[in-house]
Amino acid sequence: MELAQAAAVVLGLSQSEGERKPVAVVAKDPRISGDFLSAAIEAGLAASGVDVQDAGTLPTPAAAYLVGDLDADFGVMISASHNAAPDNGIKFLARGGKKLDDALEDAIEACLKMPKPRPTGGEVGRVARFADAEDRYIVHLLQSLPNRLEGLKVVLDCAHGAASGCSPEVFKAAGAQVVVIGAEPDGVNINDGYGSTHLEKLQAAVIEHKADLGIAHDGDADRCLAVDHEGNVVDGDQIMAIMAIALKERGELKDDTLVATVMSNLGLKLAMDAAGITLKQTGVGDRYVLEGMQEGNYSLGGEQSGHVIFSQYATTGDGVLTGLMIAARVKETGKTLKELASVLTVLPQVLINVRGVDKAGVADSEPLQRDIAAVEARLGSTGRVLLRPSGTEPVVRVMVEAATPEHAQAEAEVLAAAVSAHLSLD
């Protein structure tokens, strides 16, 4: 409640200048704690003088879209994304459905310690059911499609999450024959053996039903991974490669540029080079991808994990939209998803976590930098090195990509030993 009251001040009351009551959209994924958390959030908002539109259970990208579509002052999404049911979180969305910048987050945190507004009588907010929230989102998705999906058989894995209702409905409305798994949320089974972090059941279902492809969402459906007709996984890098080429062909890829993080496989850069597309890289996290896209008003960006952002249609990663776009590309080209994904050759990647080290010393250690340079020289243009300090632990993550798994493993072990030797806390 107090967090909602603080957000009401920073995102609502301070923006509306008293001309009208601020309006907020509130949505949640189906995990059991979402019921009491959404009740507390809505109580805090209404008690502060904010009118609330309760959108019920919807994907995070649907909440973001509805904030903009309703011209609301801000939004609140209650979800822990791909995490297990006991976890939950509160995500705020600024006007237009955009993620908050650091300054706004800091302002909300500071406001937690301040006296809260206490309107009375008619000055308190009202809580109303956003009756057509899901319908608006589905219409938006259908209008975004470049072509229909008749003739395709698609298996959808909804992770027992927020897309369990809308994803099957929109794929059917787009003309696809749909097989659905993982779409029976009971409050505690979200992401449990289903969804983008557990692809085995989707792979088996695609083969069993002889489907053209499979689409896997996570709990709040802001990401999407795919499976081809043979059961092979198509990850976020491959999805971005497919869609970047598709948008370029249609003349819709701004400056022929794709935005992705430094964790994307080197194979993505090589594939984009071959297609005449520039790859702009950012720090790890979809917020940094969004910032990179906004700098150049770019059309497409995303992460290897399956957060893919189509800026023409969404302000955040949208797993349902991404799945529709993949299926539409298969239908448009007449090619299998396996053929489309073959534009990217994924280079072998090895990741080693080196623990008990001074993670802040990576850039300052001259001996370590010399060891990194030596490995990079040996890899040449066929490999890549990335050392990334953990944000929460005394850990440095060593990532090496090379032409063969053996070469990647060997060089990763060399660098891991160098990190341990030069940065040990002992």
Protein backbone atom coordinates (compact mmCIF):
# COMPACT_ATOMS: atom_id res chain seq x y z
CA MET A 1 0.00 0.00 0.00
CA GLU A 2 2.76 2.43 0.90
CA LEU A 3 4.59 1.73 -2.34
CA ALA A 4 1.38 2.41 -4.27
CA GLN A 5 0.88 5.64 -2.34
CA ALA A 6 4.42 6.76 -3.19
CA ALA A 7 3.90 5.90 -6.87
CA ALA A 8 0.60 7.77 -6.83
CA VAL A 9 2.44 10.93 -5.81
CA VAL A 10 5.37 10.61 -8.22
CA LEU A 11 3.64 9.19 -11.29
CA GLY A 12 0.13 10.55 -10.80
CA LEU A 13 -0.53 13.50 -8.56
CA SER A 14 2.64 15.41 -9.46
CA GLN A 15 1.87 15.00 -13.18
CA SER A 16 -1.84 15.86 -13.25
CA GLU A 17 -1.40 19.26 -11.52
CA GLY A 18 -4.78 18.95 -9.81
CA GLU A 19 -6.82 19.35 -13.00
CA ARG A 20 -8.28 15.86 -12.70
CA LYS A 21 -7.76 12.66 -10.81
CA PRO A 22 -4.85 10.61 -12.14
CA VAL A 23 -5.73 7.25 -13.74
CA ALA A 24 -3.74 4.03 -13.32
CA VAL A 25 -4.10 0.62 -15.00
CA VAL A 26 -3.43 -2.36 -12.71
CA ALA A 27 -2.88 -5.92 -13.99
CA LYS A 28 -1.34 -9.13 -12.67
CA ASP A 29 -0.26 -12.60 -13.68
CA PRO A 30 -2.21 -15.55 -12.20
CA ARG A 31 0.09 -16.47 -9.30
CA ILE A 32 -1.81 -16.79 -6.04
CA SER A 33 -0.20 -13.82 -4.26
CA GLY A 34 -1.32 -11.50 -7.06
CA ASP A 35 -4.81 -11.32 -5.57
CA PHE A 36 -3.84 -9.78 -2.24
CA LEU A 37 -0.99 -7.71 -3.71
CA SER A 38 -3.27 -6.18 -6.34
CA ALA A 39 -5.86 -5.45 -3.64
CA ALA A 40 -3.21 -3.63 -1.58
CA ILE A 41 -1.88 -1.74 -4.61
CA GLU A 42 -5.37 -0.63 -5.63
CA ALA A 43 -6.20 0.38 -2.06
CA GLY A 44 -3.05 2.48 -1.85
CA LEU A 45 -3.72 4.16 -5.19
CA ALA A 46 -7.40 4.89 -4.54
CA ALA A 47 -6.68 6.11 -1.02
CA SER A 48 -4.28 8.62 -2.57
CA GLY A 49 -6.84 9.98 -5.02
CA VAL A 50 -6.04 7.88 -8.09
CA ASP A 51 -8.78 6.30 -10.20
CA VAL A 52 -7.92 2.65 -10.87
CA GLN A 53 -8.77 0.56 -13.91
CA ASP A 54 -8.43 -3.07 -12.78
CA ALA A 55 -7.48 -5.05 -15.91
CA GLY A 56 -7.33 -8.40 -14.10
CA THR A 57 -4.99 -11.13 -15.32
CA LEU A 58 -3.08 -10.02 -18.42
CA PRO A 59 0.46 -10.18 -19.84
CA THR A 60 2.90 -7.41 -18.92
CA PRO A 61 2.98 -6.11 -22.53
CA ALA A 62 -0.83 -5.92 -22.49
CA ALA A 63 -0.69 -3.72 -19.39
CA ALA A 64 1.91 -1.53 -21.08
CA TYR A 65 -0.21 -1.22 -24.23
CA LEU A 66 -3.36 -0.39 -22.27
CA VAL A 67 -1.65 2.41 -20.33
CA GLY A 68 -0.96 4.09 -23.66
CA ASP A 69 -4.26 3.17 -25.29
CA LEU A 70 -6.26 4.53 -22.35
CA ASP A 71 -3.94 7.55 -22.02
CA ALA A 72 -3.57 6.64 -18.36
CA ASP A 73 -1.03 8.41 -16.18
CA PHE A 74 0.77 5.19 -15.26
CA GLY A 75 0.38 1.45 -14.83
CA VAL A 76 1.21 -1.29 -12.33
CA MET A 77 2.00 -4.89 -13.29
CA ILE A 78 2.18 -7.47 -10.51
CA SER A 79 4.34 -10.37 -11.66
CA ALA A 80 7.59 -12.25 -11.12
CA SER A 81 7.91 -13.07 -14.82
CA HIS A 82 9.61 -16.47 -15.33
CA ASN A 83 10.14 -17.10 -11.59
CA ALA A 84 8.32 -19.76 -9.59
CA ALA A 85 4.95 -19.16 -7.92
CA PRO A 86 6.20 -18.15 -4.42
CA ASP A 87 7.94 -15.10 -5.91
CA ASN A 88 6.17 -11.93 -6.94
CA GLY A 89 7.06 -8.37 -7.84
CA ILE A 90 5.64 -4.95 -8.64
CA LYS A 91 6.56 -3.21 -11.89
CA PHE A 92 5.54 0.37 -12.57
CA LEU A 93 4.96 1.73 -16.06
CA ALA A 94 5.16 5.43 -16.86
CA ARG A 95 2.79 7.32 -19.17
CA GLY A 96 2.68 5.67 -22.57
CA GLY A 97 3.45 2.27 -21.05
CA LYS A 98 7.20 2.85 -20.82
CA LYS A 99 9.56 1.50 -18.18
CA LEU A 100 10.64 3.94 -15.51
CA ASP A 101 14.02 5.61 -15.73
CA ASP A 102 16.36 5.64 -12.73
CA ALA A 103 15.29 9.12 -11.64
CA LEU A 104 11.63 8.12 -11.33
CA GLU A 105 12.50 4.93 -9.46
CA ASP A 106 14.63 6.93 -7.05
CA ALA A 107 11.81 9.47 -6.57
CA ILE A 108 9.33 6.73 -5.67
CA GLU A 109 11.79 5.22 -3.20
CA ALA A 110 12.38 8.62 -1.59
CA CYS A 111 8.63 9.25 -1.40
CA LEU A 112 8.16 6.08 0.65
CA LYS A 113 9.64 7.93 3.63
CA MET A 114 7.47 11.03 3.25
CA PRO A 115 3.93 11.77 4.53
CA LYS A 116 1.28 10.38 2.17
CA PRO A 117 -1.72 12.27 0.77
CA ARG A 118 -4.98 11.58 2.62
CA PRO A 119 -7.90 12.81 0.52
CA THR A 120 -11.44 12.30 1.82
CA GLY A 121 -14.96 12.18 0.43
CA GLY A 122 -15.21 12.56 -3.30
CA GLU A 123 -11.46 13.23 -3.59
CA VAL A 124 -10.53 9.57 -3.11
CA GLY A 125 -10.13 7.42 -6.22
CA ARG A 126 -12.55 4.87 -7.61
CA VAL A 127 -11.68 1.26 -8.50
CA ALA A 128 -13.42 0.03 -11.64
CA ARG A 129 -13.19 -3.15 -13.67
CA PHE A 130 -11.47 -2.58 -17.03
CA ALA A 131 -14.06 -4.71 -18.78
CA ASP A 132 -12.67 -4.76 -22.33
CA ALA A 133 -8.97 -4.78 -21.46
CA GLU A 134 -8.19 -8.17 -23.03
CA ASP A 135 -10.31 -7.45 -26.11
CA ARG A 136 -8.45 -4.18 -26.75
CA TYR A 137 -5.12 -5.96 -26.53
CA ILE A 138 -6.21 -8.75 -28.87
CA VAL A 139 -7.51 -6.28 -31.46
CA HIS A 140 -4.18 -4.44 -31.25
CA LEU A 141 -2.23 -7.66 -31.85
CA LEU A 142 -4.36 -8.66 -34.84
CA GLN A 143 -3.93 -5.22 -36.37
CA SER A 144 -0.15 -5.57 -36.03
CA LEU A 145 0.04 -8.75 -38.13
CA PRO A 146 1.48 -8.38 -41.65
CA ASN A 147 -0.48 -11.42 -42.90
CA ARG A 148 -2.86 -14.09 -41.61
CA LEU A 149 -1.92 -17.60 -40.45
CA GLU A 150 -4.34 -19.92 -42.24
CA GLY A 151 -2.78 -23.30 -42.96
CA LEU A 152 -0.38 -23.24 -40.02
CA LYS A 153 -0.58 -25.57 -37.04
CA VAL A 154 0.93 -23.96 -33.95
CA VAL A 155 1.50 -25.38 -30.46
CA LEU A 156 1.31 -22.75 -27.72
CA ASP A 157 2.87 -23.24 -24.28
CA CYS A 158 1.47 -20.54 -22.01
CA ALA A 159 3.47 -21.51 -18.88
CA HIS A 160 0.19 -21.59 -16.90
CA GLY A 161 0.71 -17.84 -16.92
CA ALA A 162 -0.80 -14.54 -17.93
CA ALA A 163 -1.13 -15.42 -21.63
CA SER A 164 -3.23 -18.54 -21.00
CA GLY A 165 -6.39 -16.78 -22.18
CA CYS A 166 -5.34 -14.25 -24.78
CA SER A 167 -2.56 -16.07 -26.66
CA PRO A 168 -4.67 -19.05 -27.85
CA GLU A 169 -7.53 -16.69 -28.66
CA VAL A 170 -5.47 -14.36 -30.81
CA PHE A 171 -3.69 -17.16 -32.70
CA LYS A 172 -7.05 -18.74 -33.50
CA ALA A 173 -8.48 -15.37 -34.56
CA ALA A 174 -5.47 -14.96 -36.88
CA GLY A 175 -6.40 -18.20 -38.64
CA ALA A 176 -3.99 -20.72 -37.17
CA GLN A 177 -4.87 -24.23 -36.06
CA VAL A 178 -3.88 -24.18 -32.40
CA VAL A 179 -2.82 -26.85 -29.91
CA VAL A 180 -2.53 -25.48 -26.38
CA ILE A 181 -0.49 -26.77 -23.44
CA GLY A 182 0.32 -25.15 -20.09
CA ALA A 183 -2.80 -22.99 -20.08
CA GLU A 184 -4.56 -24.08 -16.89
CA PRO A 185 -3.32 -21.66 -14.21
CA ASP A 186 -4.31 -22.50 -10.64
CA GLY A 187 -2.26 -19.85 -8.85
CA VAL A 188 0.66 -22.12 -7.95
CA ASN A 189 1.64 -23.89 -11.18
CA ILE A 190 2.95 -20.86 -13.10
CA ASN A 191 6.25 -21.71 -14.90
CA ASP A 192 6.20 -25.15 -13.27
CA GLY A 193 7.59 -27.50 -15.92
CA TYR A 194 6.12 -25.38 -18.73
CA GLY A 195 6.98 -22.21 -20.59
CA SER A 196 10.11 -20.65 -22.03
CA THR A 197 12.34 -21.99 -19.23
CA HIS A 198 11.10 -25.58 -19.66
CA LEU A 199 10.81 -26.35 -23.38
CA GLU A 200 10.76 -30.16 -23.27
CA LYS A 201 6.97 -30.53 -23.25
CA LEU A 202 6.60 -28.06 -26.11
CA GLN A 203 9.22 -29.88 -28.16
CA ALA A 204 7.40 -33.19 -27.62
CA ALA A 205 3.98 -31.67 -28.42
CA VAL A 206 5.19 -30.12 -31.69
CA ILE A 207 6.47 -33.48 -32.87
CA GLU A 208 3.42 -35.39 -31.58
CA HIS A 209 0.93 -33.09 -33.32
CA LYS A 210 3.08 -32.66 -36.46
CA ALA A 211 2.87 -28.91 -35.99
CA ASP A 212 4.66 -26.32 -38.08
CA LEU A 213 6.11 -24.64 -35.01
CA GLY A 214 5.72 -24.12 -31.27
CA ILE A 215 5.71 -20.91 -29.24
CA ALA A 216 6.63 -20.74 -25.54
CA HIS A 217 5.79 -17.81 -23.28
CA ASP A 218 6.98 -17.13 -19.75
CA GLY A 219 4.73 -16.33 -16.79
CA ASP A 220 3.98 -12.74 -17.74
CA ALA A 221 4.39 -13.31 -21.51
CA ASP A 222 6.95 -10.58 -22.14
CA ARG A 223 9.25 -13.10 -23.79
CA CYS A 224 8.99 -15.81 -26.41
CA LEU A 225 11.09 -18.75 -27.50
CA ALA A 226 10.17 -21.02 -30.39
CA VAL A 227 10.51 -24.61 -31.52
CA ASP A 228 10.69 -25.69 -35.18
CA HIS A 229 8.80 -28.62 -36.71
CA GLU A 230 11.60 -31.02 -35.79
CA GLY A 231 11.60 -29.93 -32.14
CA ASN A 232 14.75 -27.79 -32.35
CA VAL A 233 14.84 -24.73 -30.08
CA VAL A 234 14.90 -21.31 -31.78
CA ASP A 235 16.25 -18.78 -29.27
CA GLY A 236 15.99 -15.02 -29.05
CA ASP A 237 19.06 -14.39 -31.20
CA GLN A 238 17.64 -16.53 -34.00
CA ILE A 239 14.22 -14.88 -33.66
CA MET A 240 15.81 -11.44 -33.92
CA ALA A 241 17.79 -12.49 -37.01
CA ILE A 242 14.64 -13.81 -38.70
CA MET A 243 12.61 -10.71 -37.92
CA ALA A 244 15.38 -8.21 -38.73
CA ILE A 245 15.69 -9.69 -42.22
CA ALA A 246 11.89 -9.71 -42.60
CA LEU A 247 11.57 -6.05 -41.57
CA LYS A 248 14.45 -5.05 -43.84
CA GLU A 249 12.76 -6.74 -46.80
CA ARG A 250 9.58 -4.77 -46.06
CA GLY A 251 11.48 -1.50 -45.67
CA GLU A 252 10.47 -1.31 -41.99
CA LEU A 253 13.87 -1.76 -40.29
CA LYS A 254 14.95 1.76 -39.31
CA ASP A 255 18.47 2.47 -40.62
CA ASP A 256 18.81 -1.29 -41.23
CA THR A 257 19.81 -1.62 -37.56
CA LEU A 258 19.10 -4.26 -34.91
CA VAL A 259 19.70 -3.57 -31.20
CA ALA A 260 20.82 -6.44 -28.94
CA THR A 261 22.88 -6.94 -25.78
CA VAL A 262 26.54 -7.93 -25.50
CA MET A 263 25.36 -11.41 -24.45
CA SER A 264 23.98 -12.18 -27.90
CA ASN A 265 25.94 -14.85 -29.71
CA LEU A 266 28.66 -13.69 -32.12
CA GLY A 267 26.76 -15.66 -34.75
CA LEU A 268 24.07 -12.95 -34.66
CA LYS A 269 26.57 -10.27 -35.65
CA LEU A 270 27.99 -12.42 -38.43
CA ALA A 271 24.48 -13.16 -39.75
CA MET A 272 23.52 -9.48 -39.64
CA ASP A 273 26.76 -8.49 -41.41
CA ALA A 274 25.92 -10.96 -44.17
CA ALA A 275 22.41 -9.48 -44.48
CA GLY A 276 23.64 -5.88 -44.60
CA ILE A 277 22.23 -5.08 -41.16
CA THR A 278 24.09 -3.17 -38.45
CA LEU A 279 24.08 -4.73 -34.97
CA LYS A 280 24.10 -2.13 -32.18
CA GLN A 281 25.02 -3.69 -28.83
CA THR A 282 24.02 -2.56 -25.33
CA GLY A 283 24.49 -3.65 -21.73
CA VAL A 284 22.60 -6.67 -20.42
CA GLY A 285 18.91 -6.07 -19.64
CA ASP A 286 15.86 -5.18 -21.70
CA ARG A 287 15.82 -1.64 -20.25
CA TYR A 288 19.21 -1.02 -21.89
CA VAL A 289 17.94 -2.45 -25.15
CA LEU A 290 15.01 -0.02 -24.96
CA GLU A 291 17.34 2.89 -24.26
CA GLY A 292 19.51 1.88 -27.23
CA MET A 293 16.46 1.66 -29.46
CA GLN A 294 15.15 5.04 -28.33
CA GLU A 295 18.49 6.74 -29.09
CA GLY A 296 18.07 6.05 -32.79
CA ASN A 297 14.32 5.43 -32.92
CA TYR A 298 15.15 1.89 -34.05
CA SER A 299 12.48 -0.65 -35.02
CA LEU A 300 13.71 -3.90 -33.52
CA GLY A 301 15.72 -5.02 -30.51
CA GLY A 302 15.90 -7.75 -27.94
CA GLU A 303 17.77 -10.33 -25.91
CA GLN A 304 18.88 -13.91 -26.37
CA SER A 305 16.38 -14.89 -23.65
CA GLY A 306 13.47 -14.02 -25.94
CA HIS A 307 12.60 -10.44 -24.96
CA VAL A 308 11.97 -9.01 -28.42
CA ILE A 309 10.74 -5.44 -28.88
CA PHE A 310 8.93 -4.24 -31.99
CA SER A 311 8.88 -0.50 -31.30
CA GLN A 312 6.19 0.18 -33.91
CA TYR A 313 3.72 -1.85 -31.87
CA ALA A 314 5.03 -2.15 -28.30
CA THR A 315 6.99 -0.34 -25.60
CA THR A 316 8.35 -3.54 -24.07
CA GLY A 317 9.06 -7.15 -24.97
CA ASP A 318 5.84 -8.87 -26.06
CA GLY A 319 5.91 -12.66 -26.27
CA VAL A 320 2.48 -12.99 -27.88
CA LEU A 321 3.27 -10.40 -30.54
CA THR A 322 6.66 -11.98 -31.20
CA GLY A 323 5.10 -15.42 -31.58
CA LEU A 324 2.56 -14.04 -34.04
CA MET A 325 5.30 -12.34 -36.05
CA ILE A 326 7.33 -15.56 -36.25
CA ALA A 327 4.31 -17.53 -37.42
CA ALA A 328 3.43 -14.82 -39.94
CA ARG A 329 6.96 -14.99 -41.36
CA VAL A 330 6.72 -18.77 -41.77
CA LYS A 331 3.40 -18.34 -43.58
CA GLU A 332 4.63 -15.41 -45.70
CA THR A 333 7.78 -17.15 -46.95
CA GLY A 334 6.48 -20.71 -47.22
CA LYS A 335 9.70 -21.80 -45.50
CA THR A 336 9.94 -23.88 -42.35
CA LEU A 337 11.04 -22.19 -39.16
CA LYS A 338 14.17 -24.37 -39.30
CA GLU A 339 15.04 -22.92 -42.72
CA LEU A 340 14.42 -19.37 -41.53
CA ALA A 341 16.55 -19.88 -38.39
CA SER A 342 19.44 -21.28 -40.44
CA VAL A 343 20.51 -17.73 -41.38
CA LEU A 344 22.27 -17.72 -38.00
CA THR A 345 24.95 -20.22 -37.11
CA VAL A 346 25.21 -20.28 -33.33
CA LEU A 347 28.86 -20.36 -32.26
CA PRO A 348 29.76 -22.62 -29.31
CA GLN A 349 29.64 -20.63 -26.07
CA VAL A 350 31.16 -21.50 -22.69
CA LEU A 351 30.33 -19.63 -19.48
CA ILE A 352 32.34 -20.06 -16.27
CA ASN A 353 31.48 -18.30 -12.99
CA VAL A 354 34.63 -17.44 -11.04
CA ARG A 355 33.74 -16.97 -7.36
CA GLY A 356 35.51 -15.29 -4.44
CA VAL A 357 37.10 -12.55 -6.53
CA ASP A 358 37.19 -8.76 -6.59
CA LYS A 359 34.63 -8.20 -9.32
CA ALA A 360 35.34 -4.46 -9.42
CA GLY A 361 38.94 -5.09 -10.50
CA VAL A 362 38.31 -6.54 -13.96
CA ALA A 363 38.98 -3.32 -15.85
CA ASP A 364 41.83 -2.15 -13.58
CA SER A 365 44.02 -5.26 -13.52
CA GLU A 366 46.72 -4.84 -16.16
CA PRO A 367 47.89 -8.49 -15.97
CA LEU A 368 44.30 -9.66 -16.49
CA GLN A 369 43.83 -7.29 -19.41
CA ARG A 370 47.00 -8.70 -21.01
CA ASP A 371 45.64 -12.25 -20.61
CA ILE A 372 42.33 -11.20 -22.17
CA ALA A 373 44.14 -9.60 -25.11
CA ALA A 374 46.16 -12.78 -25.66
CA VAL A 375 43.00 -14.92 -25.76
CA GLU A 376 41.29 -12.46 -28.13
CA ALA A 377 44.32 -12.59 -30.43
CA ARG A 378 44.17 -16.38 -30.53
CA LEU A 379 40.41 -16.34 -31.27
CA GLY A 380 40.67 -13.69 -33.99
CA SER A 381 37.48 -12.95 -35.89
CA THR A 382 36.04 -16.43 -35.19
CA GLY A 383 35.51 -15.89 -31.47
CA ARG A 384 34.71 -13.46 -28.70
CA VAL A 385 35.46 -12.84 -25.02
CA LEU A 386 33.25 -11.17 -22.43
CA LEU A 387 34.01 -10.76 -18.72
CA ARG A 388 31.01 -9.50 -16.74
CA PRO A 389 30.97 -8.81 -12.98
CA SER A 390 27.89 -10.11 -11.16
CA GLY A 391 25.54 -7.45 -9.91
CA THR A 392 24.91 -9.21 -6.58
CA GLU A 393 27.84 -11.53 -5.73
CA PRO A 394 31.68 -11.51 -5.65
CA VAL A 395 31.60 -13.33 -8.98
CA VAL A 396 33.03 -12.63 -12.42
CA ARG A 397 31.31 -14.38 -15.32
CA VAL A 398 33.73 -15.45 -18.04
CA MET A 399 32.14 -16.05 -21.43
CA VAL A 400 34.05 -17.29 -24.48
CA GLU A 401 32.73 -18.06 -27.95
CA ALA A 402 34.83 -19.90 -30.53
CA ALA A 403 34.55 -21.92 -33.71
CA THR A 404 34.55 -25.22 -31.79
CA PRO A 405 33.31 -26.23 -28.33
CA GLU A 406 36.78 -27.50 -27.45
CA HIS A 407 38.46 -24.21 -28.32
CA ALA A 408 35.84 -22.22 -26.40
CA GLN A 409 36.21 -24.44 -23.32
CA ALA A 410 40.01 -24.27 -23.36
CA GLU A 411 40.17 -20.48 -23.65
CA ALA A 412 37.42 -20.01 -21.05
CA GLU A 413 39.40 -22.12 -18.58
CA VAL A 414 42.54 -20.04 -19.29
CA LEU A 415 40.66 -16.81 -18.55
CA ALA A 416 38.89 -18.23 -15.49
CA ALA A 417 42.26 -19.20 -14.04
CA ALA A 418 43.61 -15.71 -14.81
CA VAL A 419 40.66 -14.05 -13.07
CA SER A 420 41.12 -16.27 -10.03
CA ALA A 421 44.86 -15.57 -9.90
CA HIS A 422 44.74 -11.81 -10.41
CA LEU A 423 41.53 -10.91 -8.53
CA SER A 424 41.36 -13.40 -5.66
CA LEU A 425 39.97 -12.03 -2.39
CA ASP A 426 42.04 -14.49 -0.33
